[in-house]
Amino acid sequence: MAVDHKELEALLGSLEAAEKEMVEHEKKVARNLAARLLRDTVKNTPVGIYPADTGKVGGTLRRGWQTSETKEESGGITIDMFNLTEYASYVEYGHRQEVGRYVPALGKRLKSPWVEGRFMMTNAERRLAVHAQAITDSMTQVWLEGLRNGR
């Protein structure tokens, strides 16, 4: 009795191709989530307002947000988001200040020993976490349908 293995070999070939495509799909999902996180963080980053005579323009902190390239690691695909502006961490998490110190840029003395953080990135991460699984599932469903239809 002869057995025809051609269909099984074709299935094996398509599964191997799908495995290679899966890494690219994971990177695409990671980039999509990172772009959403970046957009929300930038939108909620405060912009400094300066008097016209100072020549300063606000928005340096907002323009400083960046994401890294995708990296394959043992735990999956990672993309880092960061802000290299020197005072970014102080605005994000808050900071201490010296009560009574006069600040010429503000034209007044400091009254509070602690300035609360704005948590632009932290809050954006929390908001994204609520929807991340649904976004991932939706993108994966579209990808799987494409595989099934031979795209």
Protein backbone atom coordinates (compact mmCIF):
# COMPACT_ATOMS: atom_id res chain seq x y z
CA MET A 1 0.00 0.00 0.00
CA ALA A 2 1.50 3.33 -1.11
CA VAL A 3 1.01 6.52 0.89
CA ASP A 4 1.11 9.97 -0.72
CA HIS A 5 2.94 12.45 1.53
CA LYS A 6 2.75 15.44 -0.84
CA GLU A 7 -0.07 17.15 1.06
CA LEU A 8 1.69 16.70 4.40
CA GLU A 9 4.92 18.08 2.93
CA ALA A 10 3.00 21.08 1.54
CA LEU A 11 1.42 21.67 4.96
CA LEU A 12 4.84 21.44 6.62
CA GLY A 13 6.26 23.94 4.12
CA SER A 14 3.43 26.42 4.75
CA LEU A 15 3.83 26.06 8.53
CA GLU A 16 7.55 26.79 8.26
CA ALA A 17 6.82 29.88 6.16
CA ALA A 18 4.21 31.01 8.70
CA GLU A 19 6.74 30.62 11.52
CA LYS A 20 9.14 32.96 9.74
CA GLU A 21 6.34 35.46 9.11
CA MET A 22 5.28 35.29 12.76
CA VAL A 23 8.42 37.10 13.93
CA GLU A 24 7.71 39.92 11.48
CA HIS A 25 4.10 40.01 12.69
CA GLU A 26 5.27 40.26 16.31
CA LYS A 27 7.54 43.17 15.37
CA LYS A 28 4.65 44.88 13.58
CA VAL A 29 2.41 44.52 16.65
CA ALA A 30 5.18 45.82 18.92
CA ARG A 31 5.76 48.85 16.66
CA ASN A 32 2.03 49.56 16.61
CA LEU A 33 1.78 49.46 20.42
CA ALA A 34 4.94 51.58 20.77
CA ALA A 35 3.55 54.17 18.35
CA ARG A 36 0.32 54.38 20.34
CA LEU A 37 2.26 54.77 23.59
CA LEU A 38 4.49 57.45 22.08
CA ARG A 39 1.52 59.38 20.65
CA ASP A 40 -0.34 59.37 23.98
CA THR A 41 2.77 60.32 25.96
CA VAL A 42 3.64 63.22 23.66
CA LYS A 43 0.05 64.47 23.71
CA ASN A 44 0.06 64.60 27.52
CA THR A 45 3.53 66.12 27.97
CA PRO A 46 3.29 69.72 29.22
CA VAL A 47 4.75 72.54 27.16
CA GLY A 48 6.60 75.37 28.91
CA ILE A 49 5.22 78.87 28.47
CA TYR A 50 7.82 81.63 28.54
CA PRO A 51 7.59 85.44 28.30
CA ALA A 52 8.22 86.74 24.79
CA ASP A 53 11.27 88.78 25.85
CA THR A 54 13.21 85.67 26.99
CA GLY A 55 13.51 84.19 23.51
CA LYS A 56 12.73 80.72 24.90
CA VAL A 57 10.28 78.45 23.11
CA GLY A 58 8.36 75.68 24.87
CA GLY A 59 8.02 72.10 23.68
CA THR A 60 11.56 70.79 24.18
CA LEU A 61 10.36 68.06 26.55
CA ARG A 62 7.52 67.10 24.20
CA ARG A 63 9.86 66.88 21.19
CA GLY A 64 12.34 64.78 23.21
CA TRP A 65 10.29 61.56 23.29
CA GLN A 66 11.75 58.76 21.14
CA THR A 67 11.48 55.02 20.61
CA SER A 68 14.27 52.57 19.85
CA GLU A 69 14.37 50.03 17.04
CA THR A 70 12.75 46.65 17.62
CA LYS A 71 14.98 44.14 19.40
CA GLU A 72 14.50 40.39 19.54
CA GLU A 73 15.22 39.08 23.02
CA SER A 74 14.57 35.78 24.76
CA GLY A 75 11.34 37.14 26.24
CA GLY A 76 10.05 38.39 22.88
CA ILE A 77 10.21 41.66 20.97
CA THR A 78 11.08 44.87 22.84
CA ILE A 79 11.02 48.56 21.95
CA ASP A 80 12.31 51.12 24.44
CA MET A 81 10.75 54.55 24.83
CA PHE A 82 12.83 57.34 26.34
CA ASN A 83 13.36 61.07 26.65
CA LEU A 84 16.94 62.39 26.73
CA THR A 85 15.92 65.86 27.91
CA GLU A 86 17.86 66.34 31.15
CA TYR A 87 14.83 67.27 33.26
CA ALA A 88 12.39 64.70 31.84
CA SER A 89 12.51 62.40 34.87
CA TYR A 90 11.79 65.32 37.22
CA VAL A 91 8.66 66.27 35.29
CA GLU A 92 7.57 62.63 34.97
CA TYR A 93 8.03 61.55 38.60
CA GLY A 94 8.19 64.83 40.57
CA HIS A 95 11.03 66.46 42.48
CA ARG A 96 12.05 68.24 45.66
CA GLN A 97 12.72 71.95 45.79
CA GLU A 98 14.07 74.42 48.30
CA VAL A 99 11.25 76.33 50.00
CA GLY A 100 11.81 80.09 49.97
CA ARG A 101 14.29 80.12 47.09
CA TYR A 102 13.63 82.95 44.63
CA VAL A 103 13.27 81.87 40.99
CA PRO A 104 13.77 84.80 38.60
CA ALA A 105 12.09 82.99 35.69
CA LEU A 106 8.91 82.68 37.76
CA GLY A 107 9.32 86.00 39.51
CA LYS A 108 8.45 84.50 42.90
CA ARG A 109 9.67 82.33 45.75
CA LEU A 110 9.09 78.58 45.98
CA LYS A 111 6.44 77.61 48.51
CA SER A 112 6.17 73.83 48.32
CA PRO A 113 8.93 71.32 49.21
CA TRP A 114 7.66 68.80 46.62
CA VAL A 115 6.42 69.22 43.05
CA GLU A 116 4.16 66.38 41.94
CA GLY A 117 5.08 64.52 38.77
CA ARG A 118 2.96 64.72 35.65
CA PHE A 119 3.33 60.98 34.88
CA MET A 120 2.95 61.45 31.13
CA MET A 121 4.50 58.10 30.19
CA THR A 122 3.27 56.20 33.26
CA ASN A 123 -0.35 57.16 32.63
CA ALA A 124 -0.01 56.45 28.91
CA GLU A 125 1.26 52.95 29.75
CA ARG A 126 -1.73 52.34 32.03
CA ARG A 127 -4.18 53.51 29.37
CA LEU A 128 -2.51 51.35 26.70
CA ALA A 129 -2.45 48.28 28.95
CA VAL A 130 -6.26 48.32 29.03
CA HIS A 131 -6.46 48.01 25.23
CA ALA A 132 -3.18 46.23 24.37
CA GLN A 133 -4.61 42.71 24.36
CA ALA A 134 -7.55 43.69 22.14
CA ILE A 135 -5.21 45.48 19.72
CA THR A 136 -2.87 42.49 19.60
CA ASP A 137 -5.76 40.05 19.11
CA SER A 138 -7.25 42.15 16.32
CA MET A 139 -3.95 42.46 14.45
CA THR A 140 -3.25 38.74 14.90
CA GLN A 141 -6.71 37.82 13.62
CA VAL A 142 -6.13 39.86 10.46
CA TRP A 143 -2.70 38.24 10.01
CA LEU A 144 -4.10 34.72 10.46
CA GLU A 145 -6.88 35.39 7.95
CA GLY A 146 -4.24 36.57 5.51
CA LEU A 147 -2.32 33.31 6.00
CA ARG A 148 -5.46 31.28 5.49
CA ASN A 149 -6.33 33.14 2.28
CA GLY A 150 -2.80 32.80 0.94
CA ARG A 151 -1.77 36.47 1.22
